[in-house]
Amino acid sequence: MTTLRDDVLTSRLPPGQVLTTKWPVLHYGDVPKVDTSTWTFEVSGLVDRPFTLTYAELLELPRKVVHCDIHCVTRWSRLDNTFEGVAVQLLLERAGVKADAQYCVVSAEQGFTTNLPLADLDRPDNLIAFKWSGEWLMPEHGGPARLLVPHLYFWKSAKWIRAINLSAHDEPGTRERAGRHNYGDPWREQRDQRLRGAASPSHDLKGRS
């Protein structure tokens, strides 16, 4: 890892983070062996038109390229990444989000889940990503498909995604139940429920965690 020397880069590095040019591999459980011929992705819950896509159907949808920085809760940051995939907003539009939907639970392989306020899922830079730097995502980085939510700590960008379920109530995910912060804003160092910045925006605004 390297240290920052440029004030411009400093403005892009959240507090407590260290810059790296590598992409460290960290994840929950083992790297699963995913068969794309049987892989499916589902959008369900508080939507008008729930649907399920095969991997081939996902690849047929319009694609979007996002340039972003990523920040891991373990204190590394990598700048100037290029991801390609399907915009989450496109999928939400297809599903037809109901008015009472406020949160989502993202499900992935091996039973991993993570939670997000709907407002943080429904953003233009969020993708169901399957390429990075023009290459197909390697399994250790979440291939064949992962969520990309670059404005939050990277555990919220669940690897090996399989489903998004929208609901009216918040439901903490795997790491959140184990003590990670419920929201995970890197600029507020929301790493752990017991450390600084412990209140999430949803708690601040709505009185719920």
N, C-alpha and C. Protein backbone atom coordinates (compact mmCIF):
# COMPACT_ATOMS: atom_id res chain seq x y z
N MET A 1 0.83 -1.19 0.00
CA MET A 1 0.00 0.00 0.00
C MET A 1 0.87 1.26 0.00
N THR A 2 0.30 2.36 -0.50
CA THR A 2 1.04 3.60 -0.59
C THR A 2 0.35 4.67 0.23
N THR A 3 1.10 5.73 0.53
CA THR A 3 0.52 6.88 1.23
C THR A 3 0.28 7.99 0.23
N LEU A 4 -0.65 8.86 0.51
CA LEU A 4 -0.99 9.95 -0.40
C LEU A 4 0.01 11.08 -0.28
N ARG A 5 0.33 11.68 -1.42
CA ARG A 5 1.23 12.83 -1.46
C ARG A 5 0.59 14.03 -2.13
N ASP A 6 -0.57 13.87 -2.71
CA ASP A 6 -1.21 14.91 -3.51
C ASP A 6 -2.49 15.35 -2.81
N ASP A 7 -2.66 16.67 -2.64
CA ASP A 7 -3.84 17.20 -1.96
C ASP A 7 -5.12 16.85 -2.72
N VAL A 8 -5.03 16.72 -4.03
CA VAL A 8 -6.21 16.34 -4.82
C VAL A 8 -6.66 14.93 -4.45
N LEU A 9 -5.70 14.03 -4.34
CA LEU A 9 -6.03 12.66 -3.94
C LEU A 9 -6.54 12.63 -2.51
N THR A 10 -5.96 13.46 -1.65
CA THR A 10 -6.40 13.50 -0.26
C THR A 10 -7.89 13.81 -0.16
N SER A 11 -8.39 14.65 -1.04
CA SER A 11 -9.80 15.00 -1.00
C SER A 11 -10.69 13.84 -1.39
N ARG A 12 -10.10 12.79 -1.99
CA ARG A 12 -10.87 11.61 -2.40
C ARG A 12 -10.68 10.43 -1.45
N LEU A 13 -9.86 10.58 -0.45
CA LEU A 13 -9.57 9.48 0.47
C LEU A 13 -10.27 9.73 1.80
N PRO A 14 -11.24 8.89 2.17
CA PRO A 14 -11.95 9.08 3.44
C PRO A 14 -11.01 8.96 4.63
N PRO A 15 -11.40 9.49 5.78
CA PRO A 15 -10.55 9.41 6.97
C PRO A 15 -10.27 7.97 7.37
N GLY A 16 -9.01 7.75 7.78
CA GLY A 16 -8.62 6.42 8.25
C GLY A 16 -8.28 5.43 7.16
N GLN A 17 -8.36 5.85 5.88
CA GLN A 17 -8.09 4.95 4.77
C GLN A 17 -6.67 5.11 4.25
N VAL A 18 -6.15 4.05 3.61
CA VAL A 18 -4.83 4.05 2.99
C VAL A 18 -4.99 3.68 1.53
N LEU A 19 -4.32 4.38 0.66
CA LEU A 19 -4.44 4.15 -0.78
C LEU A 19 -3.69 2.89 -1.19
N THR A 20 -4.30 2.12 -2.09
CA THR A 20 -3.62 0.98 -2.69
C THR A 20 -3.88 0.98 -4.19
N THR A 21 -2.92 0.46 -4.95
CA THR A 21 -3.13 0.29 -6.38
C THR A 21 -3.54 -1.14 -6.69
N LYS A 22 -3.52 -2.02 -5.69
CA LYS A 22 -3.97 -3.40 -5.84
C LYS A 22 -5.44 -3.47 -5.48
N TRP A 23 -6.02 -4.66 -5.63
CA TRP A 23 -7.39 -4.91 -5.21
C TRP A 23 -7.36 -6.09 -4.25
N PRO A 24 -7.22 -5.82 -2.95
CA PRO A 24 -7.15 -6.91 -1.98
C PRO A 24 -8.41 -7.77 -2.02
N VAL A 25 -8.25 -9.04 -1.71
CA VAL A 25 -9.36 -9.99 -1.73
C VAL A 25 -9.79 -10.30 -0.31
N LEU A 26 -10.99 -9.87 0.04
CA LEU A 26 -11.58 -10.12 1.35
C LEU A 26 -13.06 -10.42 1.14
N HIS A 27 -13.57 -11.45 1.82
CA HIS A 27 -14.97 -11.77 1.65
C HIS A 27 -15.45 -12.69 2.76
N TYR A 28 -16.77 -12.86 2.80
CA TYR A 28 -17.43 -13.75 3.74
C TYR A 28 -17.45 -15.16 3.15
N GLY A 29 -16.90 -16.13 3.89
CA GLY A 29 -16.91 -17.51 3.42
C GLY A 29 -15.88 -17.76 2.34
N ASP A 30 -16.04 -18.89 1.63
CA ASP A 30 -15.15 -19.26 0.55
C ASP A 30 -15.64 -18.66 -0.77
N VAL A 31 -14.77 -18.71 -1.77
CA VAL A 31 -15.19 -18.28 -3.11
C VAL A 31 -16.08 -19.36 -3.70
N PRO A 32 -17.35 -19.07 -3.96
CA PRO A 32 -18.25 -20.11 -4.46
C PRO A 32 -17.99 -20.42 -5.93
N LYS A 33 -18.33 -21.62 -6.33
CA LYS A 33 -18.29 -22.00 -7.74
C LYS A 33 -19.69 -21.79 -8.30
N VAL A 34 -19.82 -20.75 -9.11
CA VAL A 34 -21.13 -20.35 -9.62
C VAL A 34 -21.26 -20.79 -11.08
N ASP A 35 -22.31 -21.54 -11.36
CA ASP A 35 -22.61 -22.00 -12.71
C ASP A 35 -23.54 -20.98 -13.37
N THR A 36 -23.03 -20.25 -14.35
CA THR A 36 -23.84 -19.21 -14.97
C THR A 36 -25.01 -19.78 -15.78
N SER A 37 -24.98 -21.06 -16.10
CA SER A 37 -26.10 -21.65 -16.83
C SER A 37 -27.32 -21.85 -15.94
N THR A 38 -27.12 -21.87 -14.62
CA THR A 38 -28.24 -22.03 -13.69
C THR A 38 -28.41 -20.82 -12.77
N TRP A 39 -27.50 -19.85 -12.87
CA TRP A 39 -27.55 -18.64 -12.04
C TRP A 39 -28.80 -17.84 -12.36
N THR A 40 -29.43 -17.29 -11.33
CA THR A 40 -30.56 -16.39 -11.52
C THR A 40 -30.41 -15.19 -10.59
N PHE A 41 -31.08 -14.11 -10.97
CA PHE A 41 -31.12 -12.90 -10.16
C PHE A 41 -32.57 -12.46 -10.06
N GLU A 42 -33.01 -12.19 -8.81
CA GLU A 42 -34.42 -11.91 -8.56
C GLU A 42 -34.60 -10.53 -7.92
N VAL A 43 -35.62 -9.82 -8.35
CA VAL A 43 -36.07 -8.60 -7.69
C VAL A 43 -37.49 -8.84 -7.20
N SER A 44 -37.70 -8.69 -5.89
CA SER A 44 -38.98 -9.07 -5.31
C SER A 44 -39.32 -8.16 -4.14
N GLY A 45 -40.39 -8.51 -3.42
CA GLY A 45 -40.82 -7.73 -2.27
C GLY A 45 -41.85 -6.70 -2.68
N LEU A 46 -41.68 -5.47 -2.21
CA LEU A 46 -42.66 -4.41 -2.45
C LEU A 46 -42.45 -3.78 -3.82
N VAL A 47 -42.76 -4.57 -4.84
CA VAL A 47 -42.68 -4.13 -6.23
C VAL A 47 -43.95 -4.58 -6.94
N ASP A 48 -44.31 -3.87 -8.00
CA ASP A 48 -45.50 -4.21 -8.79
C ASP A 48 -45.26 -5.39 -9.71
N ARG A 49 -44.02 -5.54 -10.18
CA ARG A 49 -43.73 -6.55 -11.19
C ARG A 49 -42.46 -7.32 -10.81
N PRO A 50 -42.54 -8.20 -9.83
CA PRO A 50 -41.34 -8.99 -9.49
C PRO A 50 -40.88 -9.81 -10.69
N PHE A 51 -39.56 -10.00 -10.77
CA PHE A 51 -39.05 -10.76 -11.92
C PHE A 51 -37.76 -11.47 -11.55
N THR A 52 -37.42 -12.45 -12.39
CA THR A 52 -36.18 -13.21 -12.24
C THR A 52 -35.47 -13.23 -13.59
N LEU A 53 -34.17 -13.01 -13.57
CA LEU A 53 -33.35 -13.02 -14.77
C LEU A 53 -32.36 -14.17 -14.73
N THR A 54 -32.12 -14.79 -15.87
CA THR A 54 -30.97 -15.68 -16.01
C THR A 54 -29.74 -14.82 -16.27
N TYR A 55 -28.57 -15.45 -16.22
CA TYR A 55 -27.35 -14.70 -16.50
C TYR A 55 -27.34 -14.20 -17.94
N ALA A 56 -27.79 -15.04 -18.87
CA ALA A 56 -27.84 -14.62 -20.27
C ALA A 56 -28.78 -13.43 -20.45
N GLU A 57 -29.91 -13.43 -19.75
CA GLU A 57 -30.86 -12.32 -19.84
C GLU A 57 -30.28 -11.04 -19.24
N LEU A 58 -29.53 -11.18 -18.15
CA LEU A 58 -28.88 -10.01 -17.57
C LEU A 58 -27.91 -9.37 -18.56
N LEU A 59 -27.13 -10.20 -19.25
CA LEU A 59 -26.14 -9.68 -20.19
C LEU A 59 -26.78 -9.03 -21.41
N GLU A 60 -28.04 -9.36 -21.68
CA GLU A 60 -28.73 -8.77 -22.82
C GLU A 60 -29.29 -7.38 -22.54
N LEU A 61 -29.35 -6.99 -21.27
CA LEU A 61 -29.91 -5.69 -20.91
C LEU A 61 -28.92 -4.57 -21.24
N PRO A 62 -29.42 -3.34 -21.38
CA PRO A 62 -28.51 -2.21 -21.63
C PRO A 62 -27.45 -2.10 -20.55
N ARG A 63 -26.23 -1.81 -20.96
CA ARG A 63 -25.11 -1.75 -20.03
C ARG A 63 -24.72 -0.31 -19.72
N LYS A 64 -24.10 -0.16 -18.58
CA LYS A 64 -23.62 1.15 -18.15
C LYS A 64 -22.21 1.00 -17.60
N VAL A 65 -21.36 1.99 -17.84
CA VAL A 65 -20.00 2.01 -17.30
C VAL A 65 -19.93 3.09 -16.23
N VAL A 66 -19.38 2.73 -15.08
CA VAL A 66 -19.25 3.66 -13.95
C VAL A 66 -17.79 3.76 -13.56
N HIS A 67 -17.30 4.99 -13.45
CA HIS A 67 -15.95 5.26 -12.95
C HIS A 67 -16.08 5.71 -11.50
N CYS A 68 -15.37 5.05 -10.60
CA CYS A 68 -15.58 5.35 -9.18
C CYS A 68 -14.37 4.95 -8.35
N ASP A 69 -14.35 5.45 -7.12
CA ASP A 69 -13.40 5.02 -6.10
C ASP A 69 -14.11 4.02 -5.19
N ILE A 70 -13.37 3.07 -4.65
CA ILE A 70 -13.95 2.10 -3.73
C ILE A 70 -13.17 2.11 -2.41
N HIS A 71 -13.90 1.91 -1.31
CA HIS A 71 -13.33 2.04 0.03
C HIS A 71 -13.75 0.85 0.89
N CYS A 72 -12.78 0.07 1.31
CA CYS A 72 -13.06 -1.10 2.14
C CYS A 72 -13.03 -0.73 3.62
N VAL A 73 -13.90 -1.36 4.38
CA VAL A 73 -13.95 -1.10 5.82
C VAL A 73 -12.66 -1.50 6.52
N THR A 74 -11.86 -2.37 5.90
CA THR A 74 -10.57 -2.78 6.47
C THR A 74 -9.47 -1.76 6.21
N ARG A 75 -9.85 -0.57 5.69
CA ARG A 75 -9.02 0.63 5.61
C ARG A 75 -8.22 0.79 4.32
N TRP A 76 -8.46 -0.01 3.30
CA TRP A 76 -7.84 0.30 2.02
C TRP A 76 -8.85 0.96 1.09
N SER A 77 -8.32 1.82 0.22
CA SER A 77 -9.11 2.47 -0.82
C SER A 77 -8.38 2.33 -2.15
N ARG A 78 -9.16 2.13 -3.20
CA ARG A 78 -8.60 2.06 -4.55
C ARG A 78 -9.34 3.07 -5.42
N LEU A 79 -8.59 3.97 -6.05
CA LEU A 79 -9.18 5.03 -6.84
C LEU A 79 -9.26 4.66 -8.32
N ASP A 80 -10.13 5.36 -9.05
CA ASP A 80 -10.20 5.29 -10.50
C ASP A 80 -10.50 3.89 -11.03
N ASN A 81 -11.52 3.27 -10.48
CA ASN A 81 -11.98 1.97 -10.98
C ASN A 81 -13.02 2.18 -12.08
N THR A 82 -13.09 1.23 -12.99
CA THR A 82 -14.10 1.25 -14.04
C THR A 82 -14.89 -0.06 -14.00
N PHE A 83 -16.16 0.04 -13.66
CA PHE A 83 -17.04 -1.12 -13.61
C PHE A 83 -18.06 -1.03 -14.75
N GLU A 84 -18.47 -2.18 -15.24
CA GLU A 84 -19.51 -2.26 -16.26
C GLU A 84 -20.57 -3.24 -15.82
N GLY A 85 -21.82 -2.89 -16.05
CA GLY A 85 -22.91 -3.78 -15.69
C GLY A 85 -24.24 -3.17 -16.05
N VAL A 86 -25.27 -3.62 -15.36
CA VAL A 86 -26.63 -3.14 -15.57
C VAL A 86 -26.98 -2.20 -14.44
N ALA A 87 -27.51 -1.04 -14.76
CA ALA A 87 -27.87 -0.06 -13.74
C ALA A 87 -28.96 -0.59 -12.83
N VAL A 88 -28.76 -0.46 -11.52
CA VAL A 88 -29.79 -0.87 -10.57
C VAL A 88 -31.07 -0.09 -10.80
N GLN A 89 -30.95 1.18 -11.15
CA GLN A 89 -32.15 1.99 -11.39
C GLN A 89 -32.99 1.42 -12.54
N LEU A 90 -32.35 0.86 -13.54
CA LEU A 90 -33.08 0.22 -14.64
C LEU A 90 -33.90 -0.96 -14.14
N LEU A 91 -33.31 -1.75 -13.25
CA LEU A 91 -34.00 -2.92 -12.70
C LEU A 91 -35.15 -2.50 -11.78
N LEU A 92 -34.92 -1.45 -10.99
CA LEU A 92 -36.00 -0.96 -10.12
C LEU A 92 -37.16 -0.41 -10.95
N GLU A 93 -36.83 0.27 -12.04
CA GLU A 93 -37.89 0.78 -12.91
C GLU A 93 -38.68 -0.36 -13.52
N ARG A 94 -38.00 -1.40 -13.93
CA ARG A 94 -38.68 -2.57 -14.50
C ARG A 94 -39.60 -3.22 -13.47
N ALA A 95 -39.15 -3.27 -12.22
CA ALA A 95 -39.94 -3.92 -11.18
C ALA A 95 -41.13 -3.07 -10.72
N GLY A 96 -41.00 -1.76 -10.79
CA GLY A 96 -42.06 -0.89 -10.32
C GLY A 96 -42.12 -0.85 -8.80
N VAL A 97 -41.34 0.03 -8.19
CA VAL A 97 -41.22 0.08 -6.74
C VAL A 97 -42.51 0.65 -6.12
N LYS A 98 -43.04 -0.04 -5.15
CA LYS A 98 -44.24 0.42 -4.45
C LYS A 98 -43.91 1.59 -3.53
N ALA A 99 -44.90 2.41 -3.25
CA ALA A 99 -44.70 3.64 -2.48
C ALA A 99 -44.22 3.36 -1.06
N ASP A 100 -44.60 2.21 -0.50
CA ASP A 100 -44.22 1.93 0.89
C ASP A 100 -42.87 1.25 1.02
N ALA A 101 -42.18 1.01 -0.07
CA ALA A 101 -40.83 0.43 0.00
C ALA A 101 -39.84 1.48 0.49
N GLN A 102 -39.09 1.16 1.53
CA GLN A 102 -38.12 2.09 2.11
C GLN A 102 -36.73 1.49 2.24
N TYR A 103 -36.63 0.17 2.24
CA TYR A 103 -35.36 -0.51 2.48
C TYR A 103 -35.23 -1.70 1.53
N CYS A 104 -34.04 -2.27 1.48
CA CYS A 104 -33.85 -3.50 0.72
C CYS A 104 -32.90 -4.42 1.47
N VAL A 105 -33.07 -5.71 1.21
CA VAL A 105 -32.11 -6.73 1.63
C VAL A 105 -31.51 -7.33 0.38
N VAL A 106 -30.20 -7.29 0.29
CA VAL A 106 -29.46 -7.87 -0.83
C VAL A 106 -28.99 -9.26 -0.41
N SER A 107 -29.32 -10.27 -1.21
CA SER A 107 -28.92 -11.64 -0.91
C SER A 107 -27.88 -12.11 -1.91
N ALA A 108 -26.93 -12.90 -1.41
CA ALA A 108 -25.84 -13.39 -2.25
C ALA A 108 -25.60 -14.87 -1.94
N GLU A 109 -24.63 -15.43 -2.62
CA GLU A 109 -24.27 -16.84 -2.40
C GLU A 109 -23.89 -17.07 -0.94
N GLN A 110 -24.01 -18.33 -0.51
CA GLN A 110 -23.60 -18.79 0.82
C GLN A 110 -24.41 -18.14 1.95
N GLY A 111 -25.59 -17.62 1.62
CA GLY A 111 -26.45 -17.06 2.65
C GLY A 111 -26.09 -15.67 3.11
N PHE A 112 -25.13 -15.02 2.44
CA PHE A 112 -24.74 -13.66 2.84
C PHE A 112 -25.83 -12.67 2.47
N THR A 113 -26.09 -11.73 3.37
CA THR A 113 -27.02 -10.64 3.10
C THR A 113 -26.42 -9.33 3.58
N THR A 114 -26.89 -8.24 2.99
CA THR A 114 -26.59 -6.92 3.49
C THR A 114 -27.81 -6.04 3.24
N ASN A 115 -27.94 -4.97 4.00
CA ASN A 115 -29.13 -4.11 3.93
C ASN A 115 -28.76 -2.70 3.50
N LEU A 116 -29.72 -2.04 2.85
CA LEU A 116 -29.54 -0.68 2.39
C LEU A 116 -30.87 0.06 2.45
N PRO A 117 -30.86 1.34 2.79
CA PRO A 117 -32.05 2.14 2.54
C PRO A 117 -32.30 2.19 1.03
N LEU A 118 -33.56 2.22 0.65
CA LEU A 118 -33.88 2.28 -0.78
C LEU A 118 -33.23 3.49 -1.45
N ALA A 119 -33.17 4.62 -0.74
CA ALA A 119 -32.57 5.82 -1.31
C ALA A 119 -31.10 5.61 -1.68
N ASP A 120 -30.43 4.71 -0.99
CA ASP A 120 -29.02 4.43 -1.29
C ASP A 120 -28.86 3.36 -2.35
N LEU A 121 -29.89 2.54 -2.54
CA LEU A 121 -29.87 1.57 -3.64
C LEU A 121 -30.21 2.25 -4.96
N ASP A 122 -31.13 3.19 -4.92
CA ASP A 122 -31.66 3.84 -6.11
C ASP A 122 -30.82 5.07 -6.46
N ARG A 123 -29.59 4.81 -6.89
CA ARG A 123 -28.66 5.88 -7.26
C ARG A 123 -28.03 5.56 -8.61
N PRO A 124 -27.68 6.58 -9.40
CA PRO A 124 -27.23 6.34 -10.77
C PRO A 124 -25.92 5.59 -10.92
N ASP A 125 -25.04 5.61 -9.92
CA ASP A 125 -23.76 4.92 -10.03
C ASP A 125 -23.82 3.47 -9.56
N ASN A 126 -24.96 3.00 -9.11
CA ASN A 126 -25.07 1.63 -8.62
C ASN A 126 -25.34 0.65 -9.78
N LEU A 127 -24.64 -0.45 -9.75
CA LEU A 127 -24.74 -1.45 -10.81
C LEU A 127 -24.90 -2.86 -10.27
N ILE A 128 -25.45 -3.73 -11.10
CA ILE A 128 -25.15 -5.15 -11.00
C ILE A 128 -23.99 -5.35 -11.96
N ALA A 129 -22.80 -5.41 -11.41
CA ALA A 129 -21.57 -5.34 -12.22
C ALA A 129 -21.06 -6.72 -12.58
N PHE A 130 -20.56 -6.85 -13.80
CA PHE A 130 -19.94 -8.10 -14.22
C PHE A 130 -18.59 -7.90 -14.91
N LYS A 131 -18.18 -6.64 -15.06
CA LYS A 131 -16.85 -6.36 -15.61
C LYS A 131 -16.16 -5.29 -14.77
N TRP A 132 -14.83 -5.38 -14.73
CA TRP A 132 -13.99 -4.39 -14.06
C TRP A 132 -12.77 -4.15 -14.95
N SER A 133 -12.49 -2.88 -15.25
CA SER A 133 -11.38 -2.52 -16.15
C SER A 133 -11.48 -3.26 -17.49
N GLY A 134 -12.69 -3.44 -17.97
CA GLY A 134 -12.90 -4.06 -19.26
C GLY A 134 -12.85 -5.57 -19.28
N GLU A 135 -12.56 -6.20 -18.15
CA GLU A 135 -12.45 -7.65 -18.07
C GLU A 135 -13.58 -8.21 -17.21
N TRP A 136 -13.98 -9.45 -17.49
CA TRP A 136 -15.00 -10.09 -16.68
C TRP A 136 -14.52 -10.21 -15.24
N LEU A 137 -15.41 -9.95 -14.31
CA LEU A 137 -15.05 -10.05 -12.89
C LEU A 137 -14.56 -11.46 -12.56
N MET A 138 -13.42 -11.54 -11.90
CA MET A 138 -12.92 -12.82 -11.42
C MET A 138 -13.79 -13.29 -10.25
N PRO A 139 -13.89 -14.60 -10.04
CA PRO A 139 -14.71 -15.10 -8.93
C PRO A 139 -14.34 -14.50 -7.58
N GLU A 140 -13.05 -14.31 -7.32
CA GLU A 140 -12.64 -13.78 -6.02
C GLU A 140 -13.06 -12.32 -5.83
N HIS A 141 -13.42 -11.65 -6.91
CA HIS A 141 -13.90 -10.27 -6.81
C HIS A 141 -15.41 -10.17 -7.02
N GLY A 142 -16.09 -11.31 -6.97
CA GLY A 142 -17.55 -11.29 -7.01
C GLY A 142 -18.18 -11.80 -8.28
N GLY A 143 -17.36 -12.22 -9.26
CA GLY A 143 -17.93 -12.75 -10.49
C GLY A 143 -18.69 -14.04 -10.25
N PRO A 144 -19.77 -14.24 -10.99
CA PRO A 144 -20.11 -13.58 -12.25
C PRO A 144 -20.82 -12.23 -12.14
N ALA A 145 -21.35 -11.89 -10.97
CA ALA A 145 -22.03 -10.60 -10.83
C ALA A 145 -22.01 -10.16 -9.37
N ARG A 146 -21.76 -8.89 -9.16
CA ARG A 146 -21.77 -8.33 -7.82
C ARG A 146 -22.52 -7.01 -7.84
N LEU A 147 -22.98 -6.59 -6.67
CA LEU A 147 -23.56 -5.27 -6.53
C LEU A 147 -22.44 -4.24 -6.44
N LEU A 148 -22.66 -3.07 -7.01
CA LEU A 148 -21.74 -1.95 -6.85
C LEU A 148 -22.51 -0.79 -6.25
N VAL A 149 -22.12 -0.40 -5.04
CA VAL A 149 -22.66 0.78 -4.34
C VAL A 149 -21.46 1.57 -3.85
N PRO A 150 -20.82 2.35 -4.73
CA PRO A 150 -19.49 2.89 -4.41
C PRO A 150 -19.45 3.97 -3.34
N HIS A 151 -20.58 4.56 -2.98
CA HIS A 151 -20.53 5.64 -1.98
C HIS A 151 -20.50 5.11 -0.55
N LEU A 152 -20.67 3.80 -0.36
CA LEU A 152 -20.61 3.19 0.97
C LEU A 152 -19.41 2.25 1.05
N TYR A 153 -19.05 1.85 2.29
CA TYR A 153 -17.99 0.85 2.44
C TYR A 153 -18.31 -0.36 1.57
N PHE A 154 -17.27 -1.00 1.07
CA PHE A 154 -17.43 -1.95 -0.03
C PHE A 154 -18.12 -3.25 0.36
N TRP A 155 -18.27 -3.54 1.66
CA TRP A 155 -19.01 -4.76 2.01
C TRP A 155 -20.47 -4.63 1.61
N LYS A 156 -20.95 -3.39 1.47
CA LYS A 156 -22.33 -3.18 1.02
C LYS A 156 -22.49 -3.54 -0.46
N SER A 157 -21.39 -3.58 -1.21
CA SER A 157 -21.41 -3.99 -2.62
C SER A 157 -21.24 -5.51 -2.69
N ALA A 158 -22.28 -6.21 -2.34
CA ALA A 158 -22.21 -7.65 -2.11
C ALA A 158 -21.69 -8.42 -3.34
N LYS A 159 -20.69 -9.27 -3.09
CA LYS A 159 -20.21 -10.18 -4.12
C LYS A 159 -21.25 -11.28 -4.37
N TRP A 160 -21.20 -11.85 -5.58
CA TRP A 160 -22.00 -13.03 -5.94
C TRP A 160 -23.50 -12.82 -5.66
N ILE A 161 -23.98 -11.66 -6.06
CA ILE A 161 -25.36 -11.27 -5.77
C ILE A 161 -26.34 -12.23 -6.45
N ARG A 162 -27.48 -12.46 -5.76
CA ARG A 162 -28.53 -13.31 -6.31
C ARG A 162 -29.92 -12.68 -6.23
N ALA A 163 -30.12 -11.70 -5.34
CA ALA A 163 -31.48 -11.16 -5.20
C ALA A 163 -31.47 -9.83 -4.47
N ILE A 164 -32.50 -9.03 -4.78
CA ILE A 164 -32.81 -7.81 -4.05
C ILE A 164 -34.27 -7.88 -3.66
N ASN A 165 -34.54 -7.71 -2.38
CA ASN A 165 -35.91 -7.74 -1.87
C ASN A 165 -36.21 -6.40 -1.20
N LEU A 166 -37.25 -5.73 -1.66
CA LEU A 166 -37.63 -4.43 -1.11
C LEU A 166 -38.69 -4.60 -0.03
N SER A 167 -38.57 -3.79 1.03
CA SER A 167 -39.49 -3.91 2.16
C SER A 167 -39.73 -2.55 2.79
N ALA A 168 -40.69 -2.52 3.70
CA ALA A 168 -41.03 -1.29 4.41
C ALA A 168 -40.16 -1.09 5.64
N HIS A 169 -39.48 -2.14 6.09
CA HIS A 169 -38.71 -2.10 7.34
C HIS A 169 -37.27 -2.54 7.10
N ASP A 170 -36.39 -1.99 7.88
CA ASP A 170 -34.97 -2.33 7.79
C ASP A 170 -34.71 -3.69 8.42
N GLU A 171 -33.83 -4.46 7.80
CA GLU A 171 -33.44 -5.77 8.32
C GLU A 171 -31.93 -5.91 8.19
N PRO A 172 -31.18 -5.78 9.28
CA PRO A 172 -29.72 -5.87 9.21
C PRO A 172 -29.26 -7.17 8.55
N GLY A 173 -28.15 -7.08 7.82
CA GLY A 173 -27.62 -8.23 7.12
C GLY A 173 -26.59 -8.99 7.94
N THR A 174 -25.85 -9.84 7.25
CA THR A 174 -24.91 -10.76 7.91
C THR A 174 -23.86 -10.02 8.74
N ARG A 175 -23.16 -9.10 8.14
CA ARG A 175 -22.10 -8.39 8.86
C ARG A 175 -22.66 -7.34 9.80
N GLU A 176 -23.80 -6.78 9.46
CA GLU A 176 -24.42 -5.79 10.35
C GLU A 176 -24.85 -6.46 11.66
N ARG A 177 -25.39 -7.66 11.58
CA ARG A 177 -25.78 -8.39 12.80
C ARG A 177 -24.56 -8.79 13.62
N ALA A 178 -23.41 -8.92 12.95
CA ALA A 178 -22.17 -9.31 13.64
C ALA A 178 -21.43 -8.11 14.22
N GLY A 179 -21.95 -6.89 14.02
CA GLY A 179 -21.34 -5.72 14.65
C GLY A 179 -20.90 -4.62 13.73
N ARG A 180 -20.91 -4.87 12.40
CA ARG A 180 -20.60 -3.79 11.49
C ARG A 180 -21.71 -2.74 11.53
N HIS A 181 -21.35 -1.52 11.12
CA HIS A 181 -22.32 -0.42 11.15
C HIS A 181 -23.49 -0.73 10.22
N ASN A 182 -24.66 -0.25 10.58
CA ASN A 182 -25.84 -0.56 9.79
C ASN A 182 -25.85 0.18 8.46
N TYR A 183 -25.15 1.31 8.37
CA TYR A 183 -25.16 2.11 7.13
C TYR A 183 -23.83 2.04 6.39
N GLY A 184 -22.72 2.40 7.04
CA GLY A 184 -21.40 2.23 6.44
C GLY A 184 -20.92 3.34 5.53
N ASP A 185 -21.02 4.58 6.01
CA ASP A 185 -20.52 5.73 5.25
C ASP A 185 -19.02 5.89 5.52
N PRO A 186 -18.17 5.73 4.49
CA PRO A 186 -16.72 5.84 4.73
C PRO A 186 -16.28 7.23 5.15
N TRP A 187 -17.01 8.27 4.75
CA TRP A 187 -16.62 9.63 5.09
C TRP A 187 -16.94 9.97 6.54
N ARG A 188 -17.75 9.16 7.18
CA ARG A 188 -18.05 9.32 8.60
C ARG A 188 -17.44 8.19 9.44
N GLU A 189 -16.60 7.37 8.80
CA GLU A 189 -15.96 6.22 9.46
C GLU A 189 -16.96 5.35 10.19
N GLN A 190 -18.03 5.02 9.52
CA GLN A 190 -19.07 4.17 10.11
C GLN A 190 -18.70 2.70 9.89
N ARG A 191 -17.66 2.26 10.59
CA ARG A 191 -17.17 0.90 10.45
C ARG A 191 -17.89 -0.08 11.36
N ASP A 192 -18.12 0.37 12.58
CA ASP A 192 -18.62 -0.53 13.61
C ASP A 192 -19.73 0.17 14.38
N GLN A 193 -20.67 -0.57 14.88
CA GLN A 193 -21.79 0.01 15.60
C GLN A 193 -21.37 0.74 16.87
N ARG A 194 -20.22 0.40 17.41
CA ARG A 194 -19.80 0.96 18.69
C ARG A 194 -18.79 2.09 18.53
N LEU A 195 -18.40 2.41 17.28
CA LEU A 195 -17.38 3.42 17.08
C LEU A 195 -18.00 4.72 16.60
N ARG A 196 -17.16 5.68 16.25
CA ARG A 196 -17.62 7.01 15.88
C ARG A 196 -18.58 6.95 14.69
N GLY A 197 -19.45 7.95 14.61
CA GLY A 197 -20.39 8.02 13.50
C GLY A 197 -21.41 6.91 13.53
N ALA A 198 -21.81 6.45 14.71
CA ALA A 198 -22.63 5.25 14.81
C ALA A 198 -24.04 5.43 14.28
N ALA A 199 -24.55 6.64 14.20
CA ALA A 199 -25.92 6.83 13.73
C ALA A 199 -25.94 6.94 12.22
N SER A 200 -26.78 6.16 11.58
CA SER A 200 -26.91 6.21 10.13
C SER A 200 -27.86 7.33 9.75
N PRO A 201 -27.81 7.78 8.46
CA PRO A 201 -28.75 8.81 8.04
C PRO A 201 -30.20 8.40 8.25
N SER A 202 -30.54 7.12 8.06
CA SER A 202 -31.93 6.69 8.27
C SER A 202 -32.32 6.85 9.72
N HIS A 203 -31.36 6.62 10.64
CA HIS A 203 -31.62 6.81 12.07
C HIS A 203 -31.78 8.30 12.37
N ASP A 204 -30.91 9.10 11.80
CA ASP A 204 -30.97 10.54 12.06
C ASP A 204 -32.30 11.13 11.62
N LEU A 205 -32.79 10.68 10.46
CA LEU A 205 -33.95 11.31 9.86
C LEU A 205 -35.28 10.67 10.29
N LYS A 206 -35.25 9.37 10.59
CA LYS A 206 -36.50 8.67 10.80
C LYS A 206 -36.61 8.01 12.17
N GLY A 207 -35.55 8.11 12.99
CA GLY A 207 -35.62 7.55 14.33
C GLY A 207 -35.61 6.04 14.35
N ARG A 208 -35.01 5.41 13.32
CA ARG A 208 -34.94 3.96 13.33
C ARG A 208 -33.55 3.56 12.86
N SER A 209 -33.11 2.36 13.25
CA SER A 209 -31.77 1.91 12.86
C SER A 209 -31.87 0.77 11.87
